[in-house]
């Protein structure tokens, strides 16, 4: 019997599912929270302590009438013992906390984003939309949009930046809404229709003029009518040739330069419906 529950205390790691999934119910999120807390506890304690918990679980089950000690039954009892030790909150308590937290996540200020920023104003009605976030602009925009219900694809050539986005999304419980690729825009292409593209100047400036033209064309083709492209944080004094190039690449789109007191400029282009 010890061999049975020992194998359950050290389960094989599972593979990740598809990048985007349907929004999970709060009940499902709670179950995943409990499972994660229990597995983290198992990883943090010694083998001998886990074996003692297994012995305790078997002793409890042996006292129950007409209980067959199967692997699943022992595994469930071990998890119940650990949950009690961790004093995990009930679903009702966890739900209240989670809803309050989600409310905060939907506020741009929580992620260090100005409430009047072009990103917030242009994508205020972005729920259930596919959004690309590219370049080293931090994890804030990606997680803010994910909290608002977007399916976010983050593309960043630096591996550590990709890891930060992934970890931050998982920590916020938004992992199912964010997928990340370690690549530059020149080596990546969208696999879904895009409703918005948000990128830093670095995401484009690191490419040759020829590659920039190709990348912009690919992103434009993947963007639905009415979709928007934003190039954030155009620094003062550096928006001459770069801004002129962007404007020329977005012929036929509605273009504006979003300015604000104390805030960097943002190039914003909205795709118009094709003329029949």
C-alpha atoms as a PDB file:
ATOM      1  CA  UNK A   1       0.000   0.000   0.000  1.00  0.00           C
ATOM      2  CA  UNK A   2       2.873   2.375   0.746  1.00  0.00           C
ATOM      3  CA  UNK A   3       4.084   1.938  -2.837  1.00  0.00           C
ATOM      4  CA  UNK A   4       0.638   2.947  -4.068  1.00  0.00           C
ATOM      5  CA  UNK A   5       0.379   6.236  -2.239  1.00  0.00           C
ATOM      6  CA  UNK A   6       4.086   7.020  -2.671  1.00  0.00           C
ATOM      7  CA  UNK A   7       3.565   7.052  -6.439  1.00  0.00           C
ATOM      8  CA  UNK A   8       0.628   9.388  -5.937  1.00  0.00           C
ATOM      9  CA  UNK A   9       2.617  11.767  -3.756  1.00  0.00           C
ATOM     10  CA  UNK A  10       5.115  12.216  -6.581  1.00  0.00           C
ATOM     11  CA  UNK A  11       2.949  12.363  -9.717  1.00  0.00           C
ATOM     12  CA  UNK A  12       4.395  12.706 -13.200  1.00  0.00           C
ATOM     13  CA  UNK A  13       4.263  16.248 -14.557  1.00  0.00           C
ATOM     14  CA  UNK A  14       1.583  16.847 -17.167  1.00  0.00           C
ATOM     15  CA  UNK A  15       1.872  18.635 -20.499  1.00  0.00           C
ATOM     16  CA  UNK A  16       0.206  21.960 -21.152  1.00  0.00           C
ATOM     17  CA  UNK A  17      -2.985  22.115 -23.146  1.00  0.00           C
ATOM     18  CA  UNK A  18      -3.820  24.363 -26.070  1.00  0.00           C
ATOM     19  CA  UNK A  19      -2.756  28.018 -25.708  1.00  0.00           C
ATOM     20  CA  UNK A  20      -6.232  29.520 -25.360  1.00  0.00           C
ATOM     21  CA  UNK A  21      -9.099  27.883 -23.513  1.00  0.00           C
ATOM     22  CA  UNK A  22     -12.631  28.905 -22.763  1.00  0.00           C
ATOM     23  CA  UNK A  23     -12.916  31.068 -19.649  1.00  0.00           C
ATOM     24  CA  UNK A  24     -12.969  28.864 -16.586  1.00  0.00           C
ATOM     25  CA  UNK A  25     -15.745  29.017 -14.045  1.00  0.00           C
ATOM     26  CA  UNK A  26     -14.850  30.310 -10.602  1.00  0.00           C
ATOM     27  CA  UNK A  27     -15.594  26.872  -9.220  1.00  0.00           C
ATOM     28  CA  UNK A  28     -13.078  25.346 -11.578  1.00  0.00           C
ATOM     29  CA  UNK A  29     -10.536  28.035 -10.711  1.00  0.00           C
ATOM     30  CA  UNK A  30     -11.015  27.241  -7.032  1.00  0.00           C
ATOM     31  CA  UNK A  31     -10.441  23.543  -7.639  1.00  0.00           C
ATOM     32  CA  UNK A  32      -7.244  24.355  -9.517  1.00  0.00           C
ATOM     33  CA  UNK A  33      -6.183  26.675  -6.688  1.00  0.00           C
ATOM     34  CA  UNK A  34      -6.636  23.924  -4.119  1.00  0.00           C
ATOM     35  CA  UNK A  35      -4.815  21.411  -6.308  1.00  0.00           C
ATOM     36  CA  UNK A  36      -1.908  23.815  -6.850  1.00  0.00           C
ATOM     37  CA  UNK A  37      -1.584  24.605  -3.141  1.00  0.00           C
ATOM     38  CA  UNK A  38      -1.548  20.910  -2.267  1.00  0.00           C
ATOM     39  CA  UNK A  39       1.025  20.040  -4.934  1.00  0.00           C
ATOM     40  CA  UNK A  40       3.231  22.963  -3.881  1.00  0.00           C
ATOM     41  CA  UNK A  41       3.084  21.661  -0.313  1.00  0.00           C
ATOM     42  CA  UNK A  42       4.132  18.189  -1.449  1.00  0.00           C
ATOM     43  CA  UNK A  43       7.078  19.685  -3.298  1.00  0.00           C
ATOM     44  CA  UNK A  44       8.157  21.722  -0.272  1.00  0.00           C
ATOM     45  CA  UNK A  45       8.321  18.991   2.384  1.00  0.00           C
ATOM     46  CA  UNK A  46      10.568  15.985   2.857  1.00  0.00           C
ATOM     47  CA  UNK A  47       9.917  12.487   1.593  1.00  0.00           C
ATOM     48  CA  UNK A  48       9.687  11.159   5.148  1.00  0.00           C
ATOM     49  CA  UNK A  49       6.942  13.644   6.043  1.00  0.00           C
ATOM     50  CA  UNK A  50       4.956  12.667   2.952  1.00  0.00           C
ATOM     51  CA  UNK A  51       5.236   9.023   3.921  1.00  0.00           C
ATOM     52  CA  UNK A  52       3.891   9.850   7.379  1.00  0.00           C
ATOM     53  CA  UNK A  53       0.912  11.613   5.784  1.00  0.00           C
ATOM     54  CA  UNK A  54       0.381   8.534   3.647  1.00  0.00           C
ATOM     55  CA  UNK A  55       0.404   6.328   6.748  1.00  0.00           C
ATOM     56  CA  UNK A  56      -2.103   8.677   8.381  1.00  0.00           C
ATOM     57  CA  UNK A  57      -4.356   8.489   5.345  1.00  0.00           C
ATOM     58  CA  UNK A  58      -4.288   4.673   5.326  1.00  0.00           C
ATOM     59  CA  UNK A  59      -5.032   4.577   9.066  1.00  0.00           C
ATOM     60  CA  UNK A  60      -8.036   6.851   8.607  1.00  0.00           C
ATOM     61  CA  UNK A  61      -9.396   4.833   5.726  1.00  0.00           C
ATOM     62  CA  UNK A  62      -8.931   1.512   7.515  1.00  0.00           C
ATOM     63  CA  UNK A  63     -11.290   2.722  10.248  1.00  0.00           C
ATOM     64  CA  UNK A  64     -14.038   3.393   7.717  1.00  0.00           C
ATOM     65  CA  UNK A  65     -16.499   0.599   7.070  1.00  0.00           C
ATOM     66  CA  UNK A  66     -16.516  -1.138   3.686  1.00  0.00           C
ATOM     67  CA  UNK A  67     -13.800   1.030   2.120  1.00  0.00           C
ATOM     68  CA  UNK A  68     -11.537  -0.565  -0.470  1.00  0.00           C
ATOM     69  CA  UNK A  69      -8.075   0.983  -0.356  1.00  0.00           C
ATOM     70  CA  UNK A  70      -7.640   1.855  -4.002  1.00  0.00           C
ATOM     71  CA  UNK A  71      -5.038   4.312  -5.299  1.00  0.00           C
ATOM     72  CA  UNK A  72      -7.665   6.987  -5.892  1.00  0.00           C
ATOM     73  CA  UNK A  73      -9.141   6.674  -2.412  1.00  0.00           C
ATOM     74  CA  UNK A  74      -5.738   6.957  -0.725  1.00  0.00           C
ATOM     75  CA  UNK A  75      -4.767   9.900  -2.962  1.00  0.00           C
ATOM     76  CA  UNK A  76      -7.979  11.750  -2.087  1.00  0.00           C
ATOM     77  CA  UNK A  77      -7.470  11.203   1.636  1.00  0.00           C
ATOM     78  CA  UNK A  78      -3.860  12.408   1.480  1.00  0.00           C
ATOM     79  CA  UNK A  79      -5.033  15.582  -0.249  1.00  0.00           C
ATOM     80  CA  UNK A  80      -7.766  16.123   2.355  1.00  0.00           C
ATOM     81  CA  UNK A  81      -5.221  15.837   5.159  1.00  0.00           C
ATOM     82  CA  UNK A  82      -2.888  18.330   3.479  1.00  0.00           C
ATOM     83  CA  UNK A  83      -5.759  20.749   2.774  1.00  0.00           C
ATOM     84  CA  UNK A  84      -6.693  20.724   6.459  1.00  0.00           C
ATOM     85  CA  UNK A  85      -3.089  21.351   7.459  1.00  0.00           C
ATOM     86  CA  UNK A  86      -2.848  24.289   5.073  1.00  0.00           C
ATOM     87  CA  UNK A  87      -6.172  25.679   6.319  1.00  0.00           C
ATOM     88  CA  UNK A  88      -7.233  26.432   2.764  1.00  0.00           C
ATOM     89  CA  UNK A  89     -10.221  28.797   2.482  1.00  0.00           C
ATOM     90  CA  UNK A  90     -13.671  27.520   1.624  1.00  0.00           C
ATOM     91  CA  UNK A  91     -15.006  28.142  -1.863  1.00  0.00           C
ATOM     92  CA  UNK A  92     -17.262  30.944  -0.603  1.00  0.00           C
ATOM     93  CA  UNK A  93     -14.355  32.764   1.067  1.00  0.00           C
ATOM     94  CA  UNK A  94     -12.036  32.236  -1.898  1.00  0.00           C
ATOM     95  CA  UNK A  95     -14.744  33.435  -4.331  1.00  0.00           C
ATOM     96  CA  UNK A  96     -15.217  36.730  -2.470  1.00  0.00           C
ATOM     97  CA  UNK A  97     -11.482  37.353  -2.526  1.00  0.00           C
ATOM     98  CA  UNK A  98     -11.144  36.354  -6.172  1.00  0.00           C
ATOM     99  CA  UNK A  99     -13.968  38.619  -7.372  1.00  0.00           C
ATOM    100  CA  UNK A 100     -12.467  41.543  -5.494  1.00  0.00           C
ATOM    101  CA  UNK A 101      -9.077  40.802  -7.002  1.00  0.00           C
ATOM    102  CA  UNK A 102     -10.480  40.531 -10.539  1.00  0.00           C
ATOM    103  CA  UNK A 103     -12.136  43.904 -10.076  1.00  0.00           C
ATOM    104  CA  UNK A 104      -8.736  45.383  -9.265  1.00  0.00           C
ATOM    105  CA  UNK A 105      -7.090  43.629 -12.210  1.00  0.00           C
ATOM    106  CA  UNK A 106      -9.503  45.355 -14.590  1.00  0.00           C
ATOM    107  CA  UNK A 107      -8.235  48.756 -13.480  1.00  0.00           C
ATOM    108  CA  UNK A 108      -5.304  50.029 -15.563  1.00  0.00           C
ATOM    109  CA  UNK A 109      -3.773  51.688 -12.503  1.00  0.00           C
ATOM    110  CA  UNK A 110      -3.212  48.249 -10.967  1.00  0.00           C
ATOM    111  CA  UNK A 111      -0.737  47.491 -13.760  1.00  0.00           C
ATOM    112  CA  UNK A 112       0.906  50.916 -13.743  1.00  0.00           C
ATOM    113  CA  UNK A 113      -1.027  52.115 -16.805  1.00  0.00           C
ATOM    114  CA  UNK A 114      -2.448  55.629 -17.009  1.00  0.00           C
ATOM    115  CA  UNK A 115      -6.296  55.451 -17.092  1.00  0.00           C
ATOM    116  CA  UNK A 116      -6.233  57.996 -19.916  1.00  0.00           C
ATOM    117  CA  UNK A 117      -3.600  56.196 -21.977  1.00  0.00           C
ATOM    118  CA  UNK A 118      -4.389  55.458 -25.621  1.00  0.00           C
ATOM    119  CA  UNK A 119      -4.256  51.729 -24.864  1.00  0.00           C
ATOM    120  CA  UNK A 120      -7.085  52.045 -22.347  1.00  0.00           C
ATOM    121  CA  UNK A 121      -9.248  54.318 -24.465  1.00  0.00           C
ATOM    122  CA  UNK A 122      -8.812  52.425 -27.721  1.00  0.00           C
ATOM    123  CA  UNK A 123      -9.420  48.989 -26.217  1.00  0.00           C
ATOM    124  CA  UNK A 124     -12.049  49.737 -23.581  1.00  0.00           C
ATOM    125  CA  UNK A 125     -14.540  47.388 -25.272  1.00  0.00           C
ATOM    126  CA  UNK A 126     -12.071  44.582 -26.015  1.00  0.00           C
ATOM    127  CA  UNK A 127     -13.623  41.616 -24.194  1.00  0.00           C
ATOM    128  CA  UNK A 128     -13.366  38.311 -26.078  1.00  0.00           C
ATOM    129  CA  UNK A 129     -10.931  39.783 -28.594  1.00  0.00           C
ATOM    130  CA  UNK A 130      -7.557  38.523 -29.840  1.00  0.00           C
ATOM    131  CA  UNK A 131      -4.768  40.978 -29.078  1.00  0.00           C
ATOM    132  CA  UNK A 132      -1.070  40.875 -29.921  1.00  0.00           C
ATOM    133  CA  UNK A 133       1.326  42.560 -27.479  1.00  0.00           C
ATOM    134  CA  UNK A 134       4.874  42.794 -28.810  1.00  0.00           C
ATOM    135  CA  UNK A 135       8.113  44.286 -27.564  1.00  0.00           C
ATOM    136  CA  UNK A 136       9.639  45.122 -24.230  1.00  0.00           C
ATOM    137  CA  UNK A 137       6.810  47.173 -22.745  1.00  0.00           C
ATOM    138  CA  UNK A 138       6.480  45.104 -19.566  1.00  0.00           C
ATOM    139  CA  UNK A 139       3.810  42.633 -18.611  1.00  0.00           C
ATOM    140  CA  UNK A 140       1.287  45.293 -17.582  1.00  0.00           C
ATOM    141  CA  UNK A 141      -0.509  45.755 -20.931  1.00  0.00           C
ATOM    142  CA  UNK A 142      -0.757  42.008 -21.548  1.00  0.00           C
ATOM    143  CA  UNK A 143      -2.216  41.279 -18.114  1.00  0.00           C
ATOM    144  CA  UNK A 144      -4.525  44.303 -18.135  1.00  0.00           C
ATOM    145  CA  UNK A 145      -6.031  43.192 -21.451  1.00  0.00           C
ATOM    146  CA  UNK A 146      -6.252  39.572 -20.279  1.00  0.00           C
ATOM    147  CA  UNK A 147      -8.110  40.705 -17.157  1.00  0.00           C
ATOM    148  CA  UNK A 148     -10.546  42.558 -19.405  1.00  0.00           C
ATOM    149  CA  UNK A 149     -11.318  39.299 -21.224  1.00  0.00           C
ATOM    150  CA  UNK A 150      -8.915  39.420 -24.170  1.00  0.00           C
ATOM    151  CA  UNK A 151      -7.022  36.430 -25.509  1.00  0.00           C
ATOM    152  CA  UNK A 152      -3.504  37.876 -25.459  1.00  0.00           C
ATOM    153  CA  UNK A 153      -0.520  36.714 -27.489  1.00  0.00           C
ATOM    154  CA  UNK A 154       2.740  38.165 -26.161  1.00  0.00           C
ATOM    155  CA  UNK A 155       5.754  38.094 -28.505  1.00  0.00           C
ATOM    156  CA  UNK A 156       9.137  39.072 -27.100  1.00  0.00           C
ATOM    157  CA  UNK A 157      12.651  38.090 -28.267  1.00  0.00           C
ATOM    158  CA  UNK A 158      14.139  38.089 -24.741  1.00  0.00           C
ATOM    159  CA  UNK A 159      13.585  34.799 -22.928  1.00  0.00           C
ATOM    160  CA  UNK A 160      13.568  36.429 -19.487  1.00  0.00           C
ATOM    161  CA  UNK A 161      10.844  38.856 -20.576  1.00  0.00           C
ATOM    162  CA  UNK A 162       8.729  35.966 -21.855  1.00  0.00           C
ATOM    163  CA  UNK A 163       9.213  34.173 -18.542  1.00  0.00           C
ATOM    164  CA  UNK A 164       8.116  37.258 -16.603  1.00  0.00           C
ATOM    165  CA  UNK A 165       4.884  37.481 -18.590  1.00  0.00           C
ATOM    166  CA  UNK A 166       4.151  33.779 -18.110  1.00  0.00           C
ATOM    167  CA  UNK A 167       4.855  33.857 -14.377  1.00  0.00           C
ATOM    168  CA  UNK A 168       2.867  37.047 -13.837  1.00  0.00           C
ATOM    169  CA  UNK A 169      -0.103  35.670 -15.770  1.00  0.00           C
ATOM    170  CA  UNK A 170      -0.090  32.433 -13.783  1.00  0.00           C
ATOM    171  CA  UNK A 171       0.260  34.294 -10.482  1.00  0.00           C
ATOM    172  CA  UNK A 172      -2.749  36.455 -11.359  1.00  0.00           C
ATOM    173  CA  UNK A 173      -4.823  33.452 -12.419  1.00  0.00           C
ATOM    174  CA  UNK A 174      -4.861  34.718 -16.001  1.00  0.00           C
ATOM    175  CA  UNK A 175      -2.679  32.022 -17.526  1.00  0.00           C
ATOM    176  CA  UNK A 176      -5.482  30.647 -19.694  1.00  0.00           C
ATOM    177  CA  UNK A 177      -5.803  34.057 -21.328  1.00  0.00           C
ATOM    178  CA  UNK A 178      -2.136  34.639 -22.160  1.00  0.00           C
ATOM    179  CA  UNK A 179       0.264  32.745 -24.380  1.00  0.00           C
ATOM    180  CA  UNK A 180       3.845  33.811 -25.023  1.00  0.00           C
ATOM    181  CA  UNK A 181       6.370  33.309 -27.796  1.00  0.00           C
ATOM    182  CA  UNK A 182      10.107  33.927 -27.548  1.00  0.00           C
ATOM    183  CA  UNK A 183      10.665  35.481 -30.981  1.00  0.00           C
ATOM    184  CA  UNK A 184      10.880  38.800 -32.753  1.00  0.00           C
ATOM    185  CA  UNK A 185       8.116  39.914 -35.059  1.00  0.00           C
ATOM    186  CA  UNK A 186      10.226  39.102 -38.086  1.00  0.00           C
ATOM    187  CA  UNK A 187      10.171  35.397 -37.198  1.00  0.00           C
ATOM    188  CA  UNK A 188       6.545  35.162 -36.059  1.00  0.00           C
ATOM    189  CA  UNK A 189       3.167  35.256 -37.771  1.00  0.00           C
ATOM    190  CA  UNK A 190      -0.354  35.310 -36.281  1.00  0.00           C
ATOM    191  CA  UNK A 191      -2.462  32.156 -36.276  1.00  0.00           C
ATOM    192  CA  UNK A 192      -5.724  33.917 -35.349  1.00  0.00           C
ATOM    193  CA  UNK A 193      -7.562  37.023 -36.497  1.00  0.00           C
ATOM    194  CA  UNK A 194      -6.379  40.023 -34.525  1.00  0.00           C
ATOM    195  CA  UNK A 195      -8.562  42.765 -33.115  1.00  0.00           C
ATOM    196  CA  UNK A 196      -5.645  44.815 -31.840  1.00  0.00           C
ATOM    197  CA  UNK A 197      -1.864  45.032 -32.022  1.00  0.00           C
ATOM    198  CA  UNK A 198       0.053  46.800 -29.262  1.00  0.00           C
ATOM    199  CA  UNK A 199       3.798  47.125 -29.577  1.00  0.00           C
ATOM    200  CA  UNK A 200       6.748  49.208 -28.470  1.00  0.00           C
ATOM    201  CA  UNK A 201       8.992  50.998 -30.956  1.00  0.00           C
ATOM    202  CA  UNK A 202      11.685  48.416 -30.121  1.00  0.00           C
ATOM    203  CA  UNK A 203       9.525  45.653 -31.579  1.00  0.00           C
ATOM    204  CA  UNK A 204       9.816  47.322 -34.997  1.00  0.00           C
ATOM    205  CA  UNK A 205      13.070  49.287 -34.813  1.00  0.00           C
ATOM    206  CA  UNK A 206      15.086  46.100 -34.390  1.00  0.00           C
ATOM    207  CA  UNK A 207      14.006  44.994 -37.871  1.00  0.00           C
ATOM    208  CA  UNK A 208      15.346  46.107 -41.219  1.00  0.00           C
ATOM    209  CA  UNK A 209      13.155  48.433 -43.277  1.00  0.00           C
ATOM    210  CA  UNK A 210      12.263  45.530 -45.565  1.00  0.00           C
ATOM    211  CA  UNK A 211      11.331  43.272 -42.641  1.00  0.00           C
ATOM    212  CA  UNK A 212       9.309  46.054 -40.997  1.00  0.00           C
ATOM    213  CA  UNK A 213       7.298  46.516 -44.157  1.00  0.00           C
ATOM    214  CA  UNK A 214       6.645  42.779 -44.396  1.00  0.00           C
ATOM    215  CA  UNK A 215       5.737  42.428 -40.707  1.00  0.00           C
ATOM    216  CA  UNK A 216       3.351  45.378 -40.776  1.00  0.00           C
ATOM    217  CA  UNK A 217       1.691  44.018 -43.901  1.00  0.00           C
ATOM    218  CA  UNK A 218       1.236  40.592 -42.283  1.00  0.00           C
ATOM    219  CA  UNK A 219      -0.258  42.128 -39.133  1.00  0.00           C
ATOM    220  CA  UNK A 220      -2.541  44.372 -41.160  1.00  0.00           C
ATOM    221  CA  UNK A 221      -3.825  41.401 -43.146  1.00  0.00           C
ATOM    222  CA  UNK A 222      -4.516  39.468 -39.931  1.00  0.00           C
ATOM    223  CA  UNK A 223      -6.419  42.377 -38.361  1.00  0.00           C
ATOM    224  CA  UNK A 224     -10.195  42.492 -38.650  1.00  0.00           C
ATOM    225  CA  UNK A 225     -12.032  45.559 -39.946  1.00  0.00           C
ATOM    226  CA  UNK A 226     -12.277  48.082 -37.152  1.00  0.00           C
ATOM    227  CA  UNK A 227      -9.205  46.678 -35.419  1.00  0.00           C
ATOM    228  CA  UNK A 228      -6.498  48.962 -34.089  1.00  0.00           C
ATOM    229  CA  UNK A 229      -2.706  49.054 -34.096  1.00  0.00           C
ATOM    230  CA  UNK A 230      -0.867  51.020 -31.431  1.00  0.00           C
ATOM    231  CA  UNK A 231       2.846  51.777 -31.299  1.00  0.00           C
ATOM    232  CA  UNK A 232       3.368  52.962 -27.753  1.00  0.00           C
ATOM    233  CA  UNK A 233       5.828  55.371 -26.177  1.00  0.00           C
ATOM    234  CA  UNK A 234       7.072  57.310 -29.182  1.00  0.00           C
ATOM    235  CA  UNK A 235       9.773  59.329 -27.450  1.00  0.00           C
ATOM    236  CA  UNK A 236      10.043  63.056 -27.994  1.00  0.00           C
ATOM    237  CA  UNK A 237      12.603  63.896 -30.647  1.00  0.00           C
ATOM    238  CA  UNK A 238      12.624  60.408 -32.168  1.00  0.00           C
ATOM    239  CA  UNK A 239       9.286  60.434 -33.930  1.00  0.00           C
ATOM    240  CA  UNK A 240      10.415  62.036 -37.184  1.00  0.00           C
ATOM    241  CA  UNK A 241      11.491  59.406 -39.714  1.00  0.00           C
ATOM    242  CA  UNK A 242       9.937  56.557 -37.708  1.00  0.00           C
ATOM    243  CA  UNK A 243       6.568  58.271 -37.533  1.00  0.00           C
ATOM    244  CA  UNK A 244       6.724  59.173 -41.202  1.00  0.00           C
ATOM    245  CA  UNK A 245       7.435  55.535 -42.079  1.00  0.00           C
ATOM    246  CA  UNK A 246       4.568  54.282 -39.931  1.00  0.00           C
ATOM    247  CA  UNK A 247       2.179  56.754 -41.501  1.00  0.00           C
ATOM    248  CA  UNK A 248       3.158  55.670 -44.993  1.00  0.00           C
ATOM    249  CA  UNK A 249       2.671  51.990 -44.097  1.00  0.00           C
ATOM    250  CA  UNK A 250      -0.884  52.594 -42.895  1.00  0.00           C
ATOM    251  CA  UNK A 251      -2.348  54.146 -45.992  1.00  0.00           C
ATOM    252  CA  UNK A 252      -6.119  53.649 -45.975  1.00  0.00           C
ATOM    253  CA  UNK A 253      -6.267  53.370 -42.167  1.00  0.00           C
ATOM    254  CA  UNK A 254      -7.549  56.119 -39.895  1.00  0.00           C
ATOM    255  CA  UNK A 255      -4.428  57.478 -38.186  1.00  0.00           C
ATOM    256  CA  UNK A 256      -3.997  59.647 -35.119  1.00  0.00           C
ATOM    257  CA  UNK A 257      -1.152  60.571 -32.800  1.00  0.00           C
ATOM    258  CA  UNK A 258      -2.383  60.335 -29.237  1.00  0.00           C
ATOM    259  CA  UNK A 259      -0.739  62.940 -27.039  1.00  0.00           C
ATOM    260  CA  UNK A 260      -1.245  63.694 -23.387  1.00  0.00           C
ATOM    261  CA  UNK A 261       0.316  65.886 -20.745  1.00  0.00           C
ATOM    262  CA  UNK A 262       3.153  64.013 -19.098  1.00  0.00           C
ATOM    263  CA  UNK A 263       2.575  60.919 -21.229  1.00  0.00           C
ATOM    264  CA  UNK A 264       4.512  59.588 -24.227  1.00  0.00           C
ATOM    265  CA  UNK A 265       2.956  59.735 -27.643  1.00  0.00           C
ATOM    266  CA  UNK A 266       1.207  56.768 -29.210  1.00  0.00           C
ATOM    267  CA  UNK A 267       0.713  56.113 -32.898  1.00  0.00           C
ATOM    268  CA  UNK A 268      -2.810  54.750 -33.396  1.00  0.00           C
ATOM    269  CA  UNK A 269      -4.222  53.352 -36.643  1.00  0.00           C
ATOM    270  CA  UNK A 270      -7.702  51.900 -37.090  1.00  0.00           C
ATOM    271  CA  UNK A 271      -8.486  49.606 -40.003  1.00  0.00           C
ATOM    272  CA  UNK A 272     -11.355  50.674 -42.209  1.00  0.00           C
ATOM    273  CA  UNK A 273     -13.787  48.247 -43.784  1.00  0.00           C
ATOM    274  CA  UNK A 274     -12.886  47.261 -47.326  1.00  0.00           C
ATOM    275  CA  UNK A 275     -14.901  49.008 -49.998  1.00  0.00           C
ATOM    276  CA  UNK A 276     -17.078  46.535 -51.912  1.00  0.00           C
END
